[in-house]
Structures are given as structure tokens and as C-alpha cells.
Amino acid sequence: MEFLYLIIGVVIIGTLALIFQRYRRKKALKLVQLDSQKLTDSAMEASLTNLKLLNESLADSVLISDVWGKGVMAFEYQLEVKNLTSADLNGLKKQLEQQLAVQAKKQGLRGYQQNSAFVVSDIWLKDDILHIDVSHLVNKATVEYVNDMNTLEKNN
């Protein structure tokens, strides 16, 4: 009987240790995501201001990694715009990426195994709302996400 209690005790302690370890890992990931979001928000606000697309403070970005997987540092921004068409989006994407590169350099940021710290991973226009997804390339998961998005774009 004592042996059974010992086994039950070991199972309970093991389960609690796994739960605690998972909690700590999740909390650490959340802190990294928040730090990445702050850096990306700052770079986006300066970039959009330089491109004369922002007249006021930038609204809060939304983390989009819940859809794409853990560890993806990608954020969506929405801006109300006038006189912008879908034909303007490729040029705007290039200009925005140039501005983001300038901001990354000012902040001393480098990307994971790449020169660029930020990339516009998606951009689209719907009902005069400009949607911009910006990825902060700080880890392998985010780089793979951007590669997946580029593959999807090429196939469409």
C-alpha cells in the first residue's frame, strides 16, 4: 500500500512540475512578445509619420501569432485612409519597409539571420481601412511565418 502512495505522490509531483514549467514558459513568451510589440509599434509610428500617413498617435497593434503559432512576432495595424487604392499598395509597402529599416538602424535592431529587423508581411485595403501586418524578425518562427506568407502571395 505504501508503494501505491509513493507512486501516486510521484505522479502528482511530476504533473505539478510540468504545469509550473509550462506556466513559466508561457509567461516568458508573453514578455518577449510585449517587448517586440513595443519596438515594432515605435518603429511603425515613426515610419508612418515620416510617410505622412499618420496625423495622430498610432492605435494599438494586435498580435497575430495566435493564428500562426507560438513565437511569431507579427502585429497588425489598421489605419483609416482616403484616396488610396489597391494599386498603390506595392509602392507603399516598399516605402514602409525602407522607413522601418531606418527606424531599426536608429534603434540598433537587427533581424534573426537577416539584415532587416522588420518586414511588411501583408498589406491590404478594405473599406478605406489600410491593414498592415509587420513582422519583427527576431526568431526562427517569425522568419518561417514570413516565408509562408510570401509563398501564399506568390501562389495567389
N, C-alpha and C. Protein backbone atom coordinates (compact mmCIF):
# COMPACT_ATOMS: atom_id res chain seq x y z
N MET A 1 0.81 -1.19 0.00
CA MET A 1 0.00 0.00 0.00
C MET A 1 0.86 1.27 0.00
N GLU A 2 1.98 1.21 0.77
CA GLU A 2 2.88 2.34 0.82
C GLU A 2 3.47 2.62 -0.56
N PHE A 3 3.76 1.54 -1.31
CA PHE A 3 4.30 1.68 -2.65
C PHE A 3 3.32 2.41 -3.56
N LEU A 4 2.03 2.13 -3.42
CA LEU A 4 0.99 2.79 -4.22
C LEU A 4 0.95 4.28 -3.90
N TYR A 5 1.04 4.63 -2.62
CA TYR A 5 1.05 6.03 -2.22
C TYR A 5 2.29 6.75 -2.78
N LEU A 6 3.40 6.04 -2.79
CA LEU A 6 4.63 6.60 -3.33
C LEU A 6 4.47 6.90 -4.82
N ILE A 7 3.90 5.97 -5.55
CA ILE A 7 3.69 6.16 -6.99
C ILE A 7 2.72 7.31 -7.24
N ILE A 8 1.65 7.38 -6.50
CA ILE A 8 0.68 8.46 -6.65
C ILE A 8 1.34 9.81 -6.33
N GLY A 9 2.15 9.84 -5.29
CA GLY A 9 2.87 11.06 -4.93
C GLY A 9 3.82 11.51 -6.03
N VAL A 10 4.54 10.58 -6.61
CA VAL A 10 5.47 10.90 -7.69
C VAL A 10 4.71 11.43 -8.91
N VAL A 11 3.60 10.82 -9.25
CA VAL A 11 2.78 11.26 -10.38
C VAL A 11 2.25 12.67 -10.14
N ILE A 12 1.78 12.94 -8.94
CA ILE A 12 1.25 14.27 -8.62
C ILE A 12 2.35 15.32 -8.68
N ILE A 13 3.50 15.02 -8.10
CA ILE A 13 4.61 15.98 -8.11
C ILE A 13 5.09 16.21 -9.54
N GLY A 14 5.19 15.17 -10.33
CA GLY A 14 5.59 15.31 -11.72
C GLY A 14 4.63 16.15 -12.52
N THR A 15 3.34 15.93 -12.31
CA THR A 15 2.32 16.71 -13.02
C THR A 15 2.40 18.18 -12.63
N LEU A 16 2.53 18.46 -11.35
CA LEU A 16 2.64 19.84 -10.89
C LEU A 16 3.90 20.51 -11.45
N ALA A 17 5.00 19.77 -11.52
CA ALA A 17 6.24 20.32 -12.08
C ALA A 17 6.05 20.68 -13.55
N LEU A 18 5.38 19.82 -14.31
CA LEU A 18 5.12 20.11 -15.72
C LEU A 18 4.22 21.33 -15.90
N ILE A 19 3.20 21.43 -15.07
CA ILE A 19 2.29 22.57 -15.15
C ILE A 19 3.04 23.87 -14.84
N PHE A 20 3.87 23.84 -13.81
CA PHE A 20 4.64 25.03 -13.44
C PHE A 20 5.62 25.42 -14.55
N GLN A 21 6.29 24.42 -15.13
CA GLN A 21 7.23 24.70 -16.21
C GLN A 21 6.52 25.30 -17.41
N ARG A 22 5.36 24.80 -17.77
CA ARG A 22 4.59 25.33 -18.89
C ARG A 22 4.15 26.77 -18.61
N TYR A 23 3.71 27.03 -17.37
CA TYR A 23 3.30 28.38 -16.97
C TYR A 23 4.47 29.36 -17.13
N ARG A 24 5.67 28.97 -16.66
CA ARG A 24 6.84 29.84 -16.76
C ARG A 24 7.21 30.10 -18.21
N ARG A 25 7.15 29.08 -19.05
CA ARG A 25 7.48 29.23 -20.47
C ARG A 25 6.49 30.17 -21.16
N LYS A 26 5.22 30.00 -20.82
CA LYS A 26 4.18 30.86 -21.42
C LYS A 26 4.34 32.31 -20.97
N LYS A 27 4.67 32.51 -19.72
CA LYS A 27 4.88 33.86 -19.19
C LYS A 27 6.09 34.52 -19.85
N ALA A 28 7.17 33.76 -20.03
CA ALA A 28 8.37 34.29 -20.67
C ALA A 28 8.08 34.69 -22.12
N LEU A 29 7.32 33.85 -22.84
CA LEU A 29 6.96 34.16 -24.22
C LEU A 29 6.13 35.44 -24.28
N LYS A 30 5.22 35.61 -23.36
CA LYS A 30 4.38 36.81 -23.32
C LYS A 30 5.23 38.06 -23.11
N LEU A 31 6.24 37.98 -22.26
CA LEU A 31 7.13 39.13 -22.03
C LEU A 31 7.93 39.46 -23.28
N VAL A 32 8.40 38.44 -23.99
CA VAL A 32 9.15 38.66 -25.23
C VAL A 32 8.23 39.29 -26.28
N GLN A 33 7.00 38.79 -26.37
CA GLN A 33 6.04 39.35 -27.33
C GLN A 33 5.73 40.81 -27.03
N LEU A 34 5.54 41.14 -25.77
CA LEU A 34 5.25 42.54 -25.41
C LEU A 34 6.43 43.45 -25.73
N ASP A 35 7.64 42.99 -25.49
CA ASP A 35 8.83 43.78 -25.82
C ASP A 35 8.93 43.98 -27.33
N SER A 36 8.71 42.93 -28.08
CA SER A 36 8.74 43.01 -29.54
C SER A 36 7.66 43.94 -30.06
N GLN A 37 6.48 43.87 -29.45
CA GLN A 37 5.36 44.73 -29.87
C GLN A 37 5.68 46.20 -29.62
N LYS A 38 6.30 46.51 -28.49
CA LYS A 38 6.66 47.90 -28.20
C LYS A 38 7.67 48.43 -29.20
N LEU A 39 8.68 47.62 -29.52
CA LEU A 39 9.69 48.03 -30.50
C LEU A 39 9.06 48.24 -31.88
N THR A 40 8.18 47.33 -32.27
CA THR A 40 7.53 47.42 -33.58
C THR A 40 6.59 48.61 -33.63
N ASP A 41 5.82 48.82 -32.57
CA ASP A 41 4.92 49.97 -32.51
C ASP A 41 5.69 51.29 -32.66
N SER A 42 6.80 51.39 -31.97
CA SER A 42 7.62 52.60 -32.03
C SER A 42 8.15 52.83 -33.45
N ALA A 43 8.66 51.79 -34.07
CA ALA A 43 9.19 51.91 -35.43
C ALA A 43 8.08 52.23 -36.42
N MET A 44 6.91 51.62 -36.24
CA MET A 44 5.78 51.88 -37.15
C MET A 44 5.28 53.31 -37.01
N GLU A 45 5.16 53.80 -35.79
CA GLU A 45 4.67 55.15 -35.58
C GLU A 45 5.59 56.17 -36.26
N ALA A 46 6.89 56.02 -36.07
CA ALA A 46 7.84 56.93 -36.70
C ALA A 46 7.80 56.80 -38.23
N SER A 47 7.71 55.57 -38.72
CA SER A 47 7.69 55.33 -40.16
C SER A 47 6.45 55.91 -40.82
N LEU A 48 5.30 55.68 -40.22
CA LEU A 48 4.04 56.20 -40.77
C LEU A 48 3.99 57.72 -40.71
N THR A 49 4.57 58.29 -39.66
CA THR A 49 4.64 59.75 -39.55
C THR A 49 5.52 60.31 -40.66
N ASN A 50 6.67 59.68 -40.90
CA ASN A 50 7.57 60.12 -41.97
C ASN A 50 6.92 60.01 -43.34
N LEU A 51 6.07 59.03 -43.53
CA LEU A 51 5.37 58.85 -44.81
C LEU A 51 4.09 59.69 -44.90
N LYS A 52 3.84 60.49 -43.88
CA LYS A 52 2.67 61.39 -43.82
C LYS A 52 1.35 60.61 -43.87
N LEU A 53 1.35 59.40 -43.29
CA LEU A 53 0.14 58.59 -43.22
C LEU A 53 -0.49 58.63 -41.83
N LEU A 54 0.19 59.30 -40.92
CA LEU A 54 -0.26 59.30 -39.53
C LEU A 54 -0.30 60.74 -39.04
N ASN A 55 -1.48 61.18 -38.64
CA ASN A 55 -1.64 62.55 -38.14
C ASN A 55 -1.78 62.59 -36.63
N GLU A 56 -1.98 61.43 -36.04
CA GLU A 56 -2.16 61.34 -34.58
C GLU A 56 -1.41 60.11 -34.09
N SER A 57 -1.59 59.77 -32.85
CA SER A 57 -0.91 58.59 -32.31
C SER A 57 -1.42 57.32 -33.00
N LEU A 58 -0.54 56.38 -33.13
CA LEU A 58 -0.87 55.10 -33.73
C LEU A 58 -1.71 54.29 -32.76
N ALA A 59 -2.79 53.72 -33.27
CA ALA A 59 -3.64 52.86 -32.43
C ALA A 59 -2.86 51.60 -32.06
N ASP A 60 -3.28 50.95 -31.00
CA ASP A 60 -2.60 49.74 -30.55
C ASP A 60 -2.59 48.68 -31.64
N SER A 61 -1.47 48.03 -31.76
CA SER A 61 -1.36 46.91 -32.70
C SER A 61 -1.97 45.67 -32.05
N VAL A 62 -2.22 44.69 -32.91
CA VAL A 62 -2.79 43.43 -32.44
C VAL A 62 -1.81 42.31 -32.80
N LEU A 63 -1.47 41.50 -31.83
CA LEU A 63 -0.61 40.35 -32.06
C LEU A 63 -1.37 39.33 -32.91
N ILE A 64 -0.78 38.88 -34.01
CA ILE A 64 -1.49 37.94 -34.87
C ILE A 64 -0.94 36.52 -34.76
N SER A 65 -0.03 36.28 -33.84
CA SER A 65 0.60 34.96 -33.76
C SER A 65 -0.33 33.88 -33.24
N ASP A 66 -1.43 34.24 -32.59
CA ASP A 66 -2.34 33.22 -32.10
C ASP A 66 -2.86 32.35 -33.24
N VAL A 67 -2.96 32.93 -34.41
CA VAL A 67 -3.43 32.20 -35.58
C VAL A 67 -2.31 31.36 -36.18
N TRP A 68 -1.11 31.91 -36.21
CA TRP A 68 0.01 31.29 -36.94
C TRP A 68 0.92 30.45 -36.09
N GLY A 69 0.80 30.52 -34.80
CA GLY A 69 1.65 29.67 -33.97
C GLY A 69 2.40 30.46 -32.92
N LYS A 70 2.95 29.74 -31.99
CA LYS A 70 3.65 30.35 -30.87
C LYS A 70 4.99 30.92 -31.32
N GLY A 71 5.32 32.05 -30.77
CA GLY A 71 6.61 32.65 -31.03
C GLY A 71 6.68 33.56 -32.23
N VAL A 72 5.59 33.67 -32.99
CA VAL A 72 5.59 34.54 -34.16
C VAL A 72 5.37 35.97 -33.69
N MET A 73 6.32 36.84 -34.03
CA MET A 73 6.25 38.24 -33.63
C MET A 73 5.74 39.06 -34.82
N ALA A 74 4.45 38.99 -35.03
CA ALA A 74 3.81 39.72 -36.13
C ALA A 74 2.62 40.48 -35.57
N PHE A 75 2.46 41.73 -36.04
CA PHE A 75 1.46 42.62 -35.47
C PHE A 75 0.68 43.29 -36.59
N GLU A 76 -0.62 43.45 -36.36
CA GLU A 76 -1.47 44.10 -37.36
C GLU A 76 -1.78 45.52 -36.92
N TYR A 77 -1.75 46.41 -37.92
CA TYR A 77 -2.10 47.81 -37.72
C TYR A 77 -3.23 48.15 -38.67
N GLN A 78 -4.13 49.00 -38.23
CA GLN A 78 -5.22 49.46 -39.09
C GLN A 78 -5.26 50.98 -39.07
N LEU A 79 -5.33 51.55 -40.28
CA LEU A 79 -5.37 53.00 -40.42
C LEU A 79 -6.49 53.37 -41.36
N GLU A 80 -7.22 54.39 -41.00
CA GLU A 80 -8.23 54.91 -41.92
C GLU A 80 -7.51 55.80 -42.93
N VAL A 81 -7.74 55.52 -44.20
CA VAL A 81 -7.06 56.27 -45.27
C VAL A 81 -8.08 56.72 -46.30
N LYS A 82 -7.75 57.79 -46.96
CA LYS A 82 -8.56 58.30 -48.08
C LYS A 82 -7.66 58.37 -49.30
N ASN A 83 -8.24 58.26 -50.46
CA ASN A 83 -7.51 58.42 -51.72
C ASN A 83 -6.36 57.42 -51.89
N LEU A 84 -6.52 56.24 -51.36
CA LEU A 84 -5.53 55.19 -51.54
C LEU A 84 -6.23 54.03 -52.25
N THR A 85 -5.56 53.48 -53.25
CA THR A 85 -6.15 52.37 -54.00
C THR A 85 -5.28 51.12 -53.84
N SER A 86 -5.81 50.00 -54.23
CA SER A 86 -5.05 48.75 -54.17
C SER A 86 -3.80 48.82 -55.04
N ALA A 87 -3.86 49.59 -56.11
CA ALA A 87 -2.69 49.74 -56.99
C ALA A 87 -1.53 50.45 -56.28
N ASP A 88 -1.82 51.23 -55.25
CA ASP A 88 -0.79 51.96 -54.50
C ASP A 88 -0.06 51.09 -53.48
N LEU A 89 -0.58 49.90 -53.20
CA LEU A 89 -0.08 49.12 -52.07
C LEU A 89 1.35 48.62 -52.23
N ASN A 90 1.74 48.17 -53.43
CA ASN A 90 3.12 47.68 -53.60
C ASN A 90 4.13 48.77 -53.34
N GLY A 91 3.90 49.96 -53.88
CA GLY A 91 4.80 51.09 -53.65
C GLY A 91 4.83 51.49 -52.19
N LEU A 92 3.67 51.50 -51.57
CA LEU A 92 3.59 51.85 -50.15
C LEU A 92 4.33 50.83 -49.29
N LYS A 93 4.19 49.56 -49.63
CA LYS A 93 4.89 48.50 -48.89
C LYS A 93 6.40 48.72 -48.94
N LYS A 94 6.93 49.03 -50.12
CA LYS A 94 8.37 49.26 -50.27
C LYS A 94 8.82 50.48 -49.48
N GLN A 95 8.04 51.56 -49.56
CA GLN A 95 8.38 52.77 -48.80
C GLN A 95 8.37 52.51 -47.30
N LEU A 96 7.36 51.78 -46.85
CA LEU A 96 7.24 51.48 -45.43
C LEU A 96 8.39 50.59 -44.95
N GLU A 97 8.76 49.62 -45.74
CA GLU A 97 9.89 48.77 -45.36
C GLU A 97 11.19 49.57 -45.30
N GLN A 98 11.35 50.53 -46.21
CA GLN A 98 12.54 51.39 -46.15
C GLN A 98 12.54 52.21 -44.87
N GLN A 99 11.40 52.77 -44.53
CA GLN A 99 11.29 53.57 -43.30
C GLN A 99 11.52 52.69 -42.06
N LEU A 100 10.98 51.49 -42.07
CA LEU A 100 11.18 50.57 -40.94
C LEU A 100 12.66 50.21 -40.79
N ALA A 101 13.37 50.07 -41.91
CA ALA A 101 14.81 49.78 -41.86
C ALA A 101 15.57 50.95 -41.24
N VAL A 102 15.16 52.16 -41.57
CA VAL A 102 15.78 53.35 -40.98
C VAL A 102 15.55 53.36 -39.47
N GLN A 103 14.32 53.08 -39.06
CA GLN A 103 14.00 53.07 -37.63
C GLN A 103 14.74 51.96 -36.89
N ALA A 104 14.85 50.80 -37.51
CA ALA A 104 15.59 49.69 -36.89
C ALA A 104 17.05 50.08 -36.69
N LYS A 105 17.61 50.73 -37.69
CA LYS A 105 19.00 51.16 -37.58
C LYS A 105 19.16 52.17 -36.45
N LYS A 106 18.21 53.11 -36.34
CA LYS A 106 18.26 54.11 -35.26
C LYS A 106 18.20 53.44 -33.89
N GLN A 107 17.40 52.36 -33.80
CA GLN A 107 17.24 51.66 -32.53
C GLN A 107 18.32 50.59 -32.30
N GLY A 108 19.18 50.39 -33.30
CA GLY A 108 20.23 49.38 -33.19
C GLY A 108 19.69 47.96 -33.25
N LEU A 109 18.61 47.75 -33.99
CA LEU A 109 17.98 46.43 -34.07
C LEU A 109 18.43 45.68 -35.31
N ARG A 110 18.65 44.39 -35.15
CA ARG A 110 18.97 43.51 -36.27
C ARG A 110 18.02 42.33 -36.24
N GLY A 111 17.79 41.76 -37.39
CA GLY A 111 16.90 40.62 -37.51
C GLY A 111 17.62 39.30 -37.31
N TYR A 112 16.84 38.27 -37.12
CA TYR A 112 17.34 36.91 -36.95
C TYR A 112 17.92 36.42 -38.28
N GLN A 113 19.21 36.23 -38.33
CA GLN A 113 19.93 35.74 -39.51
C GLN A 113 19.63 36.54 -40.78
N GLN A 114 19.23 37.78 -40.60
CA GLN A 114 18.93 38.63 -41.75
C GLN A 114 19.38 40.05 -41.42
N ASN A 115 19.47 40.87 -42.45
CA ASN A 115 19.87 42.26 -42.22
C ASN A 115 18.73 43.09 -41.66
N SER A 116 17.51 42.80 -42.06
CA SER A 116 16.37 43.62 -41.69
C SER A 116 15.71 43.10 -40.41
N ALA A 117 15.33 44.03 -39.54
CA ALA A 117 14.64 43.64 -38.31
C ALA A 117 13.14 43.57 -38.51
N PHE A 118 12.62 44.34 -39.48
CA PHE A 118 11.18 44.40 -39.72
C PHE A 118 10.88 44.14 -41.19
N VAL A 119 9.73 43.55 -41.43
CA VAL A 119 9.26 43.36 -42.79
C VAL A 119 7.73 43.51 -42.79
N VAL A 120 7.21 44.12 -43.85
CA VAL A 120 5.76 44.19 -44.01
C VAL A 120 5.35 42.84 -44.60
N SER A 121 4.75 42.01 -43.77
CA SER A 121 4.42 40.66 -44.20
C SER A 121 3.10 40.57 -44.94
N ASP A 122 2.25 41.58 -44.79
CA ASP A 122 1.00 41.61 -45.54
C ASP A 122 0.45 43.04 -45.50
N ILE A 123 -0.21 43.42 -46.57
CA ILE A 123 -0.82 44.75 -46.63
C ILE A 123 -2.04 44.65 -47.53
N TRP A 124 -3.16 45.21 -47.09
CA TRP A 124 -4.36 45.20 -47.90
C TRP A 124 -5.27 46.35 -47.50
N LEU A 125 -6.19 46.64 -48.39
CA LEU A 125 -7.10 47.76 -48.22
C LEU A 125 -8.53 47.23 -48.30
N LYS A 126 -9.35 47.63 -47.32
CA LYS A 126 -10.76 47.23 -47.34
C LYS A 126 -11.58 48.34 -46.70
N ASP A 127 -12.54 48.86 -47.46
CA ASP A 127 -13.45 49.89 -46.96
C ASP A 127 -12.72 51.10 -46.37
N ASP A 128 -11.73 51.61 -47.08
CA ASP A 128 -10.92 52.76 -46.65
C ASP A 128 -10.15 52.51 -45.36
N ILE A 129 -9.94 51.26 -45.02
CA ILE A 129 -9.10 50.89 -43.88
C ILE A 129 -7.88 50.16 -44.43
N LEU A 130 -6.71 50.70 -44.15
CA LEU A 130 -5.47 50.09 -44.56
C LEU A 130 -5.02 49.13 -43.46
N HIS A 131 -4.84 47.88 -43.82
CA HIS A 131 -4.39 46.85 -42.89
C HIS A 131 -2.93 46.54 -43.22
N ILE A 132 -2.08 46.62 -42.21
CA ILE A 132 -0.66 46.36 -42.40
C ILE A 132 -0.21 45.36 -41.34
N ASP A 133 0.35 44.25 -41.79
CA ASP A 133 0.96 43.29 -40.87
C ASP A 133 2.46 43.48 -40.94
N VAL A 134 3.06 43.75 -39.78
CA VAL A 134 4.50 43.93 -39.70
C VAL A 134 5.07 42.84 -38.82
N SER A 135 6.11 42.19 -39.32
CA SER A 135 6.77 41.13 -38.57
C SER A 135 8.12 41.62 -38.07
N HIS A 136 8.36 41.35 -36.81
CA HIS A 136 9.64 41.68 -36.18
C HIS A 136 10.47 40.40 -36.24
N LEU A 137 11.45 40.36 -37.11
CA LEU A 137 12.19 39.13 -37.41
C LEU A 137 13.26 38.85 -36.36
N VAL A 138 12.82 38.43 -35.19
CA VAL A 138 13.74 38.18 -34.09
C VAL A 138 13.97 36.71 -33.81
N ASN A 139 13.21 35.83 -34.47
CA ASN A 139 13.38 34.40 -34.21
C ASN A 139 13.00 33.58 -35.44
N LYS A 140 13.31 32.30 -35.37
CA LYS A 140 13.07 31.38 -36.48
C LYS A 140 11.58 31.27 -36.81
N ALA A 141 10.73 31.23 -35.79
CA ALA A 141 9.29 31.09 -36.02
C ALA A 141 8.75 32.25 -36.86
N THR A 142 9.20 33.45 -36.60
CA THR A 142 8.73 34.61 -37.35
C THR A 142 9.26 34.60 -38.78
N VAL A 143 10.51 34.21 -38.96
CA VAL A 143 11.07 34.12 -40.31
C VAL A 143 10.31 33.08 -41.13
N GLU A 144 9.99 31.94 -40.51
CA GLU A 144 9.21 30.91 -41.21
C GLU A 144 7.81 31.41 -41.55
N TYR A 145 7.21 32.18 -40.65
CA TYR A 145 5.89 32.76 -40.92
C TYR A 145 5.96 33.68 -42.15
N VAL A 146 6.97 34.53 -42.21
CA VAL A 146 7.12 35.45 -43.34
C VAL A 146 7.34 34.66 -44.63
N ASN A 147 8.15 33.62 -44.57
CA ASN A 147 8.35 32.79 -45.75
C ASN A 147 7.05 32.15 -46.20
N ASP A 148 6.24 31.68 -45.26
CA ASP A 148 4.93 31.10 -45.59
C ASP A 148 4.03 32.14 -46.25
N MET A 149 4.03 33.36 -45.71
CA MET A 149 3.21 34.42 -46.29
C MET A 149 3.66 34.76 -47.71
N ASN A 150 4.97 34.79 -47.93
CA ASN A 150 5.49 35.06 -49.27
C ASN A 150 5.10 33.96 -50.25
N THR A 151 5.13 32.72 -49.79
CA THR A 151 4.71 31.60 -50.63
C THR A 151 3.24 31.71 -50.98
N LEU A 152 2.41 32.06 -50.00
CA LEU A 152 0.97 32.23 -50.25
C LEU A 152 0.73 33.35 -51.27
N GLU A 153 1.47 34.44 -51.12
CA GLU A 153 1.31 35.58 -52.03
C GLU A 153 1.70 35.21 -53.45
N LYS A 154 2.77 34.46 -53.60
CA LYS A 154 3.21 34.04 -54.95
C LYS A 154 2.20 33.09 -55.59
N ASN A 155 1.56 32.25 -54.78
CA ASN A 155 0.60 31.28 -55.32
C ASN A 155 -0.75 31.89 -55.65
N ASN A 156 -1.00 33.10 -55.19
CA ASN A 156 -2.30 33.75 -55.47
C ASN A 156 -2.24 34.68 -56.63
